[in-house]
Amino acid sequence: FLLERAAGIPGHNTEATCLLAAKRFRDTHHRTFHRSTVYA
């Protein structure tokens, strides 16, 4: 997911922002986890 992290007062010069990518791993038993034993 795309996140924006912002601090300060929106619309003012004091606002600091950055864009982040949030990678959220699933906890269900997907096909990828079946083949993960090769890498693990």
PDB file of all heavy atoms in Angstrom:
ATOM      1  N   PHE A   1       0.838  -1.190   0.000  1.00  0.00           N
ATOM      2  CA  PHE A   1       0.000   0.000   0.000  1.00  0.00           C
ATOM      3  C   PHE A   1       0.878   1.246   0.000  1.00  0.00           C
ATOM      4  O   PHE A   1       2.012   1.228   0.473  1.00  0.00           O
ATOM      5  CB  PHE A   1      -0.898   0.008   1.236  1.00  0.00           C
ATOM      6  CG  PHE A   1      -1.860  -1.144   1.300  1.00  0.00           C
ATOM      7  CD1 PHE A   1      -1.443  -2.371   1.804  1.00  0.00           C
ATOM      8  CD2 PHE A   1      -3.156  -1.011   0.849  1.00  0.00           C
ATOM      9  CE1 PHE A   1      -2.312  -3.447   1.868  1.00  0.00           C
ATOM     10  CE2 PHE A   1      -4.038  -2.082   0.904  1.00  0.00           C
ATOM     11  CZ  PHE A   1      -3.620  -3.308   1.411  1.00  0.00           C
ATOM     12  N   LEU A   2       0.322   2.334  -0.528  1.00  0.00           N
ATOM     13  CA  LEU A   2       1.007   3.625  -0.516  1.00  0.00           C
ATOM     14  C   LEU A   2       0.522   4.422   0.685  1.00  0.00           C
ATOM     15  O   LEU A   2      -0.686   4.608   0.883  1.00  0.00           O
ATOM     16  CB  LEU A   2       0.714   4.399  -1.805  1.00  0.00           C
ATOM     17  CG  LEU A   2       1.341   5.798  -1.910  1.00  0.00           C
ATOM     18  CD1 LEU A   2       2.864   5.704  -1.922  1.00  0.00           C
ATOM     19  CD2 LEU A   2       0.837   6.515  -3.168  1.00  0.00           C
ATOM     20  N   LEU A   3       1.481   4.880   1.521  1.00  0.00           N
ATOM     21  CA  LEU A   3       1.162   5.701   2.692  1.00  0.00           C
ATOM     22  C   LEU A   3       1.840   7.053   2.570  1.00  0.00           C
ATOM     23  O   LEU A   3       2.954   7.161   2.048  1.00  0.00           O
ATOM     24  CB  LEU A   3       1.658   5.039   3.987  1.00  0.00           C
ATOM     25  CG  LEU A   3       1.109   3.683   4.412  1.00  0.00           C
ATOM     26  CD1 LEU A   3       1.662   3.332   5.778  1.00  0.00           C
ATOM     27  CD2 LEU A   3      -0.401   3.679   4.434  1.00  0.00           C
ATOM     28  N   GLU A   4       1.158   8.076   3.083  1.00  0.00           N
ATOM     29  CA  GLU A   4       1.793   9.377   3.264  1.00  0.00           C
ATOM     30  C   GLU A   4       1.927   9.620   4.759  1.00  0.00           C
ATOM     31  O   GLU A   4       0.944   9.538   5.492  1.00  0.00           O
ATOM     32  CB  GLU A   4       0.966  10.497   2.640  1.00  0.00           C
ATOM     33  CG  GLU A   4       1.639  11.867   2.830  1.00  0.00           C
ATOM     34  CD  GLU A   4       0.766  13.009   2.370  1.00  0.00           C
ATOM     35  OE1 GLU A   4      -0.379  13.123   2.885  1.00  0.00           O
ATOM     36  OE2 GLU A   4       1.217  13.788   1.510  1.00  0.00           O
ATOM     37  N   ARG A   5       3.149   9.894   5.205  1.00  0.00           N
ATOM     38  CA  ARG A   5       3.393  10.238   6.609  1.00  0.00           C
ATOM     39  C   ARG A   5       3.596  11.744   6.680  1.00  0.00           C
ATOM     40  O   ARG A   5       4.468  12.294   5.979  1.00  0.00           O
ATOM     41  CB  ARG A   5       4.605   9.495   7.139  1.00  0.00           C
ATOM     42  CG  ARG A   5       4.989   9.866   8.571  1.00  0.00           C
ATOM     43  CD  ARG A   5       5.951   8.858   9.156  1.00  0.00           C
ATOM     44  NE  ARG A   5       5.277   7.577   9.392  1.00  0.00           N
ATOM     45  CZ  ARG A   5       5.905   6.458   9.744  1.00  0.00           C
ATOM     46  NH1 ARG A   5       7.220   6.451   9.890  1.00  0.00           N
ATOM     47  NH2 ARG A   5       5.221   5.344   9.943  1.00  0.00           N
ATOM     48  N   ALA A   6       2.789  12.403   7.503  1.00  0.00           N
ATOM     49  CA  ALA A   6       2.848  13.863   7.581  1.00  0.00           C
ATOM     50  C   ALA A   6       2.898  14.309   9.029  1.00  0.00           C
ATOM     51  O   ALA A   6       2.233  13.739   9.901  1.00  0.00           O
ATOM     52  CB  ALA A   6       1.636  14.474   6.884  1.00  0.00           C
ATOM     53  N   ALA A   7       3.694  15.347   9.277  1.00  0.00           N
ATOM     54  CA  ALA A   7       3.803  15.944  10.603  1.00  0.00           C
ATOM     55  C   ALA A   7       3.703  17.451  10.451  1.00  0.00           C
ATOM     56  O   ALA A   7       4.151  18.021   9.455  1.00  0.00           O
ATOM     57  CB  ALA A   7       5.124  15.562  11.262  1.00  0.00           C
ATOM     58  N   GLY A   8       3.106  18.118  11.440  1.00  0.00           N
ATOM     59  CA  GLY A   8       2.950  19.562  11.372  1.00  0.00           C
ATOM     60  C   GLY A   8       1.528  19.929  11.027  1.00  0.00           C
ATOM     61  O   GLY A   8       0.601  19.121  11.130  1.00  0.00           O
ATOM     62  N   ILE A   9       1.339  21.146  10.592  1.00  0.00           N
ATOM     63  CA  ILE A   9       0.003  21.655  10.282  1.00  0.00           C
ATOM     64  C   ILE A   9      -0.208  21.581   8.782  1.00  0.00           C
ATOM     65  O   ILE A   9       0.518  22.224   8.015  1.00  0.00           O
ATOM     66  CB  ILE A   9      -0.155  23.108  10.763  1.00  0.00           C
ATOM     67  CG1 ILE A   9       0.146  23.204  12.259  1.00  0.00           C
ATOM     68  CG2 ILE A   9      -1.564  23.621  10.462  1.00  0.00           C
ATOM     69  CD1 ILE A   9       0.144  24.620  12.783  1.00  0.00           C
ATOM     70  N   PRO A  10      -1.192  20.791   8.301  1.00  0.00           N
ATOM     71  CA  PRO A  10      -1.433  20.676   6.862  1.00  0.00           C
ATOM     72  C   PRO A  10      -1.646  22.045   6.222  1.00  0.00           C
ATOM     73  O   PRO A  10      -2.338  22.906   6.761  1.00  0.00           O
ATOM     74  CB  PRO A  10      -2.712  19.819   6.790  1.00  0.00           C
ATOM     75  CG  PRO A  10      -2.718  19.051   8.068  1.00  0.00           C
ATOM     76  CD  PRO A  10      -2.132  19.982   9.092  1.00  0.00           C
ATOM     77  N   GLY A  11      -1.026  22.229   5.060  1.00  0.00           N
ATOM     78  CA  GLY A  11      -1.173  23.479   4.328  1.00  0.00           C
ATOM     79  C   GLY A  11      -0.212  24.567   4.746  1.00  0.00           C
ATOM     80  O   GLY A  11      -0.189  25.637   4.132  1.00  0.00           O
ATOM     81  N   HIS A  12       0.569  24.340   5.793  1.00  0.00           N
ATOM     82  CA  HIS A  12       1.543  25.329   6.249  1.00  0.00           C
ATOM     83  C   HIS A  12       2.948  24.882   5.867  1.00  0.00           C
ATOM     84  O   HIS A  12       3.213  23.716   5.628  1.00  0.00           O
ATOM     85  CB  HIS A  12       1.446  25.536   7.763  1.00  0.00           C
ATOM     86  CG  HIS A  12       0.187  26.209   8.189  1.00  0.00           C
ATOM     87  ND1 HIS A  12      -1.056  25.637   8.021  1.00  0.00           N
ATOM     88  CD2 HIS A  12      -0.029  27.429   8.771  1.00  0.00           C
ATOM     89  CE1 HIS A  12      -1.981  26.458   8.493  1.00  0.00           C
ATOM     90  NE2 HIS A  12      -1.381  27.543   8.948  1.00  0.00           N
ATOM     91  N   ASN A  13       3.864  25.832   5.855  1.00  0.00           N
ATOM     92  CA  ASN A  13       5.232  25.541   5.438  1.00  0.00           C
ATOM     93  C   ASN A  13       5.945  24.624   6.423  1.00  0.00           C
ATOM     94  O   ASN A  13       6.992  24.067   6.107  1.00  0.00           O
ATOM     95  CB  ASN A  13       6.023  26.844   5.283  1.00  0.00           C
ATOM     96  CG  ASN A  13       5.516  27.667   4.112  1.00  0.00           C
ATOM     97  OD1 ASN A  13       4.974  27.115   3.153  1.00  0.00           O
ATOM     98  ND2 ASN A  13       5.689  28.986   4.187  1.00  0.00           N
ATOM     99  N   THR A  14       5.393  24.505   7.638  1.00  0.00           N
ATOM    100  CA  THR A  14       6.048  23.668   8.648  1.00  0.00           C
ATOM    101  C   THR A  14       5.733  22.191   8.468  1.00  0.00           C
ATOM    102  O   THR A  14       6.306  21.355   9.152  1.00  0.00           O
ATOM    103  CB  THR A  14       5.607  24.099  10.055  1.00  0.00           C
ATOM    104  OG1 THR A  14       4.177  24.007  10.137  1.00  0.00           O
ATOM    105  CG2 THR A  14       6.045  25.527  10.361  1.00  0.00           C
ATOM    106  N   GLU A  15       4.820  21.844   7.558  1.00  0.00           N
ATOM    107  CA  GLU A  15       4.446  20.443   7.393  1.00  0.00           C
ATOM    108  C   GLU A  15       5.586  19.659   6.736  1.00  0.00           C
ATOM    109  O   GLU A  15       6.185  20.102   5.759  1.00  0.00           O
ATOM    110  CB  GLU A  15       3.178  20.332   6.533  1.00  0.00           C
ATOM    111  CG  GLU A  15       2.676  18.904   6.428  1.00  0.00           C
ATOM    112  CD  GLU A  15       1.441  18.801   5.538  1.00  0.00           C
ATOM    113  OE1 GLU A  15       1.268  19.636   4.640  1.00  0.00           O
ATOM    114  OE2 GLU A  15       0.673  17.846   5.759  1.00  0.00           O
ATOM    115  N   ALA A  16       5.875  18.480   7.296  1.00  0.00           N
ATOM    116  CA  ALA A  16       6.872  17.576   6.727  1.00  0.00           C
ATOM    117  C   ALA A  16       6.159  16.307   6.290  1.00  0.00           C
ATOM    118  O   ALA A  16       5.359  15.748   7.046  1.00  0.00           O
ATOM    119  CB  ALA A  16       7.952  17.258   7.754  1.00  0.00           C
ATOM    120  N   THR A  17       6.428  15.841   5.088  1.00  0.00           N
ATOM    121  CA  THR A  17       5.758  14.648   4.570  1.00  0.00           C
ATOM    122  C   THR A  17       6.748  13.736   3.878  1.00  0.00           C
ATOM    123  O   THR A  17       7.809  14.171   3.416  1.00  0.00           O
ATOM    124  CB  THR A  17       4.646  15.006   3.566  1.00  0.00           C
ATOM    125  OG1 THR A  17       5.234  15.609   2.401  1.00  0.00           O
ATOM    126  CG2 THR A  17       3.629  15.961   4.173  1.00  0.00           C
ATOM    127  N   CYS A  18       6.397  12.469   3.814  1.00  0.00           N
ATOM    128  CA  CYS A  18       7.138  11.519   2.986  1.00  0.00           C
ATOM    129  C   CYS A  18       6.186  10.411   2.558  1.00  0.00           C
ATOM    130  O   CYS A  18       5.183  10.149   3.221  1.00  0.00           O
ATOM    131  CB  CYS A  18       8.360  10.939   3.716  1.00  0.00           C
ATOM    132  SG  CYS A  18       7.978   9.889   5.143  1.00  0.00           S
ATOM    133  N   LEU A  19       6.485   9.804   1.444  1.00  0.00           N
ATOM    134  CA  LEU A  19       5.695   8.682   0.945  1.00  0.00           C
ATOM    135  C   LEU A  19       6.399   7.379   1.302  1.00  0.00           C
ATOM    136  O   LEU A  19       7.625   7.260   1.171  1.00  0.00           O
ATOM    137  CB  LEU A  19       5.511   8.781  -0.572  1.00  0.00           C
ATOM    138  CG  LEU A  19       4.630   9.923  -1.073  1.00  0.00           C
ATOM    139  CD1 LEU A  19       4.604   9.938  -2.601  1.00  0.00           C
ATOM    140  CD2 LEU A  19       3.213   9.818  -0.524  1.00  0.00           C
ATOM    141  N   LEU A  20       5.616   6.405   1.747  1.00  0.00           N
ATOM    142  CA  LEU A  20       6.154   5.109   2.141  1.00  0.00           C
ATOM    143  C   LEU A  20       5.373   3.998   1.454  1.00  0.00           C
ATOM    144  O   LEU A  20       4.182   4.155   1.152  1.00  0.00           O
ATOM    145  CB  LEU A  20       6.051   4.919   3.657  1.00  0.00           C
ATOM    146  CG  LEU A  20       6.729   5.956   4.546  1.00  0.00           C
ATOM    147  CD1 LEU A  20       6.363   5.716   6.002  1.00  0.00           C
ATOM    148  CD2 LEU A  20       8.233   5.920   4.354  1.00  0.00           C
ATOM    149  N   ALA A  21       6.038   2.892   1.231  1.00  0.00           N
ATOM    150  CA  ALA A  21       5.374   1.674   0.764  1.00  0.00           C
ATOM    151  C   ALA A  21       5.202   0.756   1.961  1.00  0.00           C
ATOM    152  O   ALA A  21       6.179   0.459   2.661  1.00  0.00           O
ATOM    153  CB  ALA A  21       6.195   0.992  -0.326  1.00  0.00           C
ATOM    154  N   ALA A  22       3.981   0.340   2.210  1.00  0.00           N
ATOM    155  CA  ALA A  22       3.675  -0.549   3.347  1.00  0.00           C
ATOM    156  C   ALA A  22       3.395  -1.939   2.801  1.00  0.00           C
ATOM    157  O   ALA A  22       2.368  -2.165   2.159  1.00  0.00           O
ATOM    158  CB  ALA A  22       2.485  -0.025   4.132  1.00  0.00           C
ATOM    159  N   LYS A  23       4.310  -2.863   3.050  1.00  0.00           N
ATOM    160  CA  LYS A  23       4.137  -4.242   2.604  1.00  0.00           C
ATOM    161  C   LYS A  23       3.582  -5.056   3.763  1.00  0.00           C
ATOM    162  O   LYS A  23       4.225  -5.171   4.810  1.00  0.00           O
ATOM    163  CB  LYS A  23       5.471  -4.832   2.127  1.00  0.00           C
ATOM    164  CG  LYS A  23       5.339  -6.203   1.476  1.00  0.00           C
ATOM    165  CD  LYS A  23       6.639  -6.613   0.796  1.00  0.00           C
ATOM    166  CE  LYS A  23       6.487  -7.906   0.015  1.00  0.00           C
ATOM    167  NZ  LYS A  23       7.739  -8.272  -0.700  1.00  0.00           N
ATOM    168  N   ARG A  24       2.383  -5.590   3.580  1.00  0.00           N
ATOM    169  CA  ARG A  24       1.707  -6.334   4.641  1.00  0.00           C
ATOM    170  C   ARG A  24       1.582  -7.791   4.231  1.00  0.00           C
ATOM    171  O   ARG A  24       0.867  -8.124   3.271  1.00  0.00           O
ATOM    172  CB  ARG A  24       0.323  -5.711   4.908  1.00  0.00           C
ATOM    173  CG  ARG A  24       0.432  -4.289   5.418  1.00  0.00           C
ATOM    174  CD  ARG A  24      -0.887  -3.565   5.409  1.00  0.00           C
ATOM    175  NE  ARG A  24      -0.704  -2.158   5.776  1.00  0.00           N
ATOM    176  CZ  ARG A  24      -1.600  -1.214   5.547  1.00  0.00           C
ATOM    177  NH1 ARG A  24      -2.754  -1.515   4.959  1.00  0.00           N
ATOM    178  NH2 ARG A  24      -1.355   0.036   5.884  1.00  0.00           N
ATOM    179  N   PHE A  25       2.291  -8.640   4.951  1.00  0.00           N
ATOM    180  CA  PHE A  25       2.310 -10.068   4.646  1.00  0.00           C
ATOM    181  C   PHE A  25       1.035 -10.727   5.144  1.00  0.00           C
ATOM    182  O   PHE A  25       0.578 -10.477   6.250  1.00  0.00           O
ATOM    183  CB  PHE A  25       3.544 -10.721   5.264  1.00  0.00           C
ATOM    184  CG  PHE A  25       4.816 -10.400   4.534  1.00  0.00           C
ATOM    185  CD1 PHE A  25       5.456  -9.189   4.755  1.00  0.00           C
ATOM    186  CD2 PHE A  25       5.359 -11.286   3.618  1.00  0.00           C
ATOM    187  CE1 PHE A  25       6.622  -8.872   4.079  1.00  0.00           C
ATOM    188  CE2 PHE A  25       6.527 -10.972   2.942  1.00  0.00           C
ATOM    189  CZ  PHE A  25       7.163  -9.766   3.172  1.00  0.00           C
ATOM    190  N   ARG A  26       0.486 -11.591   4.322  1.00  0.00           N
ATOM    191  CA  ARG A  26      -0.746 -12.292   4.658  1.00  0.00           C
ATOM    192  C   ARG A  26      -0.451 -13.408   5.665  1.00  0.00           C
ATOM    193  O   ARG A  26       0.609 -14.016   5.644  1.00  0.00           O
ATOM    194  CB  ARG A  26      -1.379 -12.899   3.404  1.00  0.00           C
ATOM    195  CG  ARG A  26      -1.756 -11.875   2.347  1.00  0.00           C
ATOM    196  CD  ARG A  26      -2.251 -12.607   1.113  1.00  0.00           C
ATOM    197  NE  ARG A  26      -2.555 -11.683   0.030  1.00  0.00           N
ATOM    198  CZ  ARG A  26      -3.720 -11.103  -0.146  1.00  0.00           C
ATOM    199  NH1 ARG A  26      -4.692 -11.325   0.706  1.00  0.00           N
ATOM    200  NH2 ARG A  26      -3.927 -10.296  -1.166  1.00  0.00           N
ATOM    201  N   ASP A  27      -1.436 -13.723   6.499  1.00  0.00           N
ATOM    202  CA  ASP A  27      -1.266 -14.812   7.461  1.00  0.00           C
ATOM    203  C   ASP A  27      -2.085 -16.040   7.078  1.00  0.00           C
ATOM    204  O   ASP A  27      -2.247 -16.953   7.857  1.00  0.00           O
ATOM    205  CB  ASP A  27      -1.637 -14.359   8.878  1.00  0.00           C
ATOM    206  CG  ASP A  27      -3.092 -13.925   8.982  1.00  0.00           C
ATOM    207  OD1 ASP A  27      -3.812 -13.996   7.970  1.00  0.00           O
ATOM    208  OD2 ASP A  27      -3.496 -13.530  10.091  1.00  0.00           O
ATOM    209  N   THR A  28      -2.616 -16.077   5.868  1.00  0.00           N
ATOM    210  CA  THR A  28      -3.338 -17.256   5.403  1.00  0.00           C
ATOM    211  C   THR A  28      -2.386 -18.150   4.614  1.00  0.00           C
ATOM    212  O   THR A  28      -1.304 -17.738   4.209  1.00  0.00           O
ATOM    213  CB  THR A  28      -4.526 -16.857   4.524  1.00  0.00           C
ATOM    214  OG1 THR A  28      -4.083 -15.931   3.533  1.00  0.00           O
ATOM    215  CG2 THR A  28      -5.623 -16.209   5.357  1.00  0.00           C
ATOM    216  N   HIS A  29      -2.822 -19.373   4.383  1.00  0.00           N
ATOM    217  CA  HIS A  29      -1.943 -20.373   3.797  1.00  0.00           C
ATOM    218  C   HIS A  29      -2.001 -20.300   2.271  1.00  0.00           C
ATOM    219  O   HIS A  29      -2.769 -21.004   1.637  1.00  0.00           O
ATOM    220  CB  HIS A  29      -2.356 -21.755   4.284  1.00  0.00           C
ATOM    221  CG  HIS A  29      -1.207 -22.721   4.334  1.00  0.00           C
ATOM    222  ND1 HIS A  29      -1.304 -23.976   4.871  1.00  0.00           N
ATOM    223  CD2 HIS A  29       0.082 -22.591   3.940  1.00  0.00           C
ATOM    224  CE1 HIS A  29      -0.128 -24.579   4.780  1.00  0.00           C
ATOM    225  NE2 HIS A  29       0.718 -23.758   4.233  1.00  0.00           N
ATOM    226  N   HIS A  30      -1.191 -19.406   1.696  1.00  0.00           N
ATOM    227  CA  HIS A  30      -1.190 -19.226   0.251  1.00  0.00           C
ATOM    228  C   HIS A  30      -0.195 -20.171  -0.419  1.00  0.00           C
ATOM    229  O   HIS A  30       0.693 -20.717   0.206  1.00  0.00           O
ATOM    230  CB  HIS A  30      -0.836 -17.781  -0.104  1.00  0.00           C
ATOM    231  CG  HIS A  30      -1.958 -16.823   0.160  1.00  0.00           C
ATOM    232  ND1 HIS A  30      -2.277 -16.394   1.426  1.00  0.00           N
ATOM    233  CD2 HIS A  30      -2.843 -16.243  -0.677  1.00  0.00           C
ATOM    234  CE1 HIS A  30      -3.304 -15.566   1.362  1.00  0.00           C
ATOM    235  NE2 HIS A  30      -3.668 -15.464   0.089  1.00  0.00           N
ATOM    236  N   ARG A  31      -0.347 -20.283  -1.712  1.00  0.00           N
ATOM    237  CA  ARG A  31       0.504 -21.184  -2.497  1.00  0.00           C
ATOM    238  C   ARG A  31       1.970 -20.811  -2.369  1.00  0.00           C
ATOM    239  O   ARG A  31       2.846 -21.669  -2.337  1.00  0.00           O
ATOM    240  CB  ARG A  31       0.090 -21.141  -3.977  1.00  0.00           C
ATOM    241  CG  ARG A  31       0.944 -22.040  -4.871  1.00  0.00           C
ATOM    242  CD  ARG A  31       0.307 -22.177  -6.240  1.00  0.00           C
ATOM    243  NE  ARG A  31       0.052 -20.873  -6.851  1.00  0.00           N
ATOM    244  CZ  ARG A  31       0.969 -20.187  -7.556  1.00  0.00           C
ATOM    245  NH1 ARG A  31       2.169 -20.693  -7.708  1.00  0.00           N
ATOM    246  NH2 ARG A  31       0.674 -19.027  -8.095  1.00  0.00           N
ATOM    247  N   THR A  32       2.249 -19.521  -2.248  1.00  0.00           N
ATOM    248  CA  THR A  32       3.637 -19.092  -2.137  1.00  0.00           C
ATOM    249  C   THR A  32       4.300 -19.683  -0.905  1.00  0.00           C
ATOM    250  O   THR A  32       5.467 -20.046  -0.925  1.00  0.00           O
ATOM    251  CB  THR A  32       3.718 -17.556  -2.102  1.00  0.00           C
ATOM    252  OG1 THR A  32       3.133 -17.047  -3.296  1.00  0.00           O
ATOM    253  CG2 THR A  32       5.144 -17.071  -2.014  1.00  0.00           C
ATOM    254  N   PHE A  33       3.569 -19.783   0.194  1.00  0.00           N
ATOM    255  CA  PHE A  33       4.157 -20.343   1.412  1.00  0.00           C
ATOM    256  C   PHE A  33       4.435 -21.831   1.244  1.00  0.00           C
ATOM    257  O   PHE A  33       5.313 -22.376   1.881  1.00  0.00           O
ATOM    258  CB  PHE A  33       3.226 -20.100   2.594  1.00  0.00           C
ATOM    259  CG  PHE A  33       3.223 -18.673   3.051  1.00  0.00           C
ATOM    260  CD1 PHE A  33       2.036 -18.050   3.387  1.00  0.00           C
ATOM    261  CD2 PHE A  33       4.390 -17.955   3.135  1.00  0.00           C
ATOM    262  CE1 PHE A  33       2.027 -16.732   3.812  1.00  0.00           C
ATOM    263  CE2 PHE A  33       4.393 -16.636   3.560  1.00  0.00           C
ATOM    264  CZ  PHE A  33       3.207 -16.027   3.899  1.00  0.00           C
ATOM    265  N   HIS A  34       3.666 -22.520   0.394  1.00  0.00           N
ATOM    266  CA  HIS A  34       3.952 -23.930   0.142  1.00  0.00           C
ATOM    267  C   HIS A  34       5.333 -24.104  -0.469  1.00  0.00           C
ATOM    268  O   HIS A  34       6.069 -25.024  -0.129  1.00  0.00           O
ATOM    269  CB  HIS A  34       2.900 -24.509  -0.808  1.00  0.00           C
ATOM    270  CG  HIS A  34       1.628 -24.887  -0.130  1.00  0.00           C
ATOM    271  ND1 HIS A  34       1.558 -25.826   0.867  1.00  0.00           N
ATOM    272  CD2 HIS A  34       0.355 -24.424  -0.301  1.00  0.00           C
ATOM    273  CE1 HIS A  34       0.310 -25.958   1.277  1.00  0.00           C
ATOM    274  NE2 HIS A  34      -0.436 -25.107   0.588  1.00  0.00           N
ATOM    275  N   ARG A  35       5.678 -23.232  -1.398  1.00  0.00           N
ATOM    276  CA  ARG A  35       6.960 -23.397  -2.073  1.00  0.00           C
ATOM    277  C   ARG A  35       8.092 -22.709  -1.317  1.00  0.00           C
ATOM    278  O   ARG A  35       9.241 -22.768  -1.726  1.00  0.00           O
ATOM    279  CB  ARG A  35       6.885 -22.858  -3.500  1.00  0.00           C
ATOM    280  CG  ARG A  35       6.692 -21.348  -3.617  1.00  0.00           C
ATOM    281  CD  ARG A  35       6.611 -20.942  -5.087  1.00  0.00           C
ATOM    282  NE  ARG A  35       6.334 -19.525  -5.238  1.00  0.00           N
ATOM    283  CZ  ARG A  35       7.279 -18.588  -5.256  1.00  0.00           C
ATOM    284  NH1 ARG A  35       8.547 -18.909  -5.093  1.00  0.00           N
ATOM    285  NH2 ARG A  35       6.955 -17.326  -5.427  1.00  0.00           N
ATOM    286  N   SER A  36       7.782 -22.052  -0.190  1.00  0.00           N
ATOM    287  CA  SER A  36       8.792 -21.289   0.512  1.00  0.00           C
ATOM    288  C   SER A  36       9.858 -22.162   1.149  1.00  0.00           C
ATOM    289  O   SER A  36      10.919 -21.671   1.518  1.00  0.00           O
ATOM    290  CB  SER A  36       8.141 -20.423   1.593  1.00  0.00           C
ATOM    291  OG  SER A  36       7.631 -21.230   2.638  1.00  0.00           O
ATOM    292  N   THR A  37       9.600 -23.452   1.299  1.00  0.00           N
ATOM    293  CA  THR A  37      10.581 -24.320   1.941  1.00  0.00           C
ATOM    294  C   THR A  37      11.890 -24.368   1.163  1.00  0.00           C
ATOM    295  O   THR A  37      12.950 -24.569   1.744  1.00  0.00           O
ATOM    296  CB  THR A  37      10.023 -25.748   2.081  1.00  0.00           C
ATOM    297  OG1 THR A  37       9.581 -26.200   0.797  1.00  0.00           O
ATOM    298  CG2 THR A  37       8.849 -25.771   3.056  1.00  0.00           C
ATOM    299  N   VAL A  38      11.836 -24.166  -0.149  1.00  0.00           N
ATOM    300  CA  VAL A  38      13.055 -24.155  -0.955  1.00  0.00           C
ATOM    301  C   VAL A  38      13.971 -23.026  -0.500  1.00  0.00           C
ATOM    302  O   VAL A  38      15.184 -23.192  -0.379  1.00  0.00           O
ATOM    303  CB  VAL A  38      12.713 -23.995  -2.452  1.00  0.00           C
ATOM    304  CG1 VAL A  38      13.990 -23.806  -3.277  1.00  0.00           C
ATOM    305  CG2 VAL A  38      11.935 -25.200  -2.948  1.00  0.00           C
ATOM    306  N   TYR A  39      13.372 -21.858  -0.223  1.00  0.00           N
ATOM    307  CA  TYR A  39      14.167 -20.698   0.165  1.00  0.00           C
ATOM    308  C   TYR A  39      14.548 -20.728   1.638  1.00  0.00           C
ATOM    309  O   TYR A  39      15.567 -20.156   2.033  1.00  0.00           O
ATOM    310  CB  TYR A  39      13.380 -19.415  -0.129  1.00  0.00           C
ATOM    311  CG  TYR A  39      12.975 -19.274  -1.571  1.00  0.00           C
ATOM    312  CD1 TYR A  39      11.663 -19.493  -1.978  1.00  0.00           C
ATOM    313  CD2 TYR A  39      13.910 -18.941  -2.541  1.00  0.00           C
ATOM    314  CE1 TYR A  39      11.287 -19.367  -3.305  1.00  0.00           C
ATOM    315  CE2 TYR A  39      13.553 -18.815  -3.871  1.00  0.00           C
ATOM    316  CZ  TYR A  39      12.238 -19.030  -4.252  1.00  0.00           C
ATOM    317  OH  TYR A  39      11.879 -18.910  -5.569  1.00  0.00           O
ATOM    318  N   ALA A  40      13.733 -21.366   2.457  1.00  0.00           N
ATOM    319  CA  ALA A  40      13.937 -21.321   3.901  1.00  0.00           C
ATOM    320  C   ALA A  40      14.937 -22.352   4.404  1.00  0.00           C
ATOM    321  O   ALA A  40      15.281 -22.342   5.584  1.00  0.00           O
ATOM    322  CB  ALA A  40      12.599 -21.513   4.624  1.00  0.00           C
TER     323      ALA A  40
END
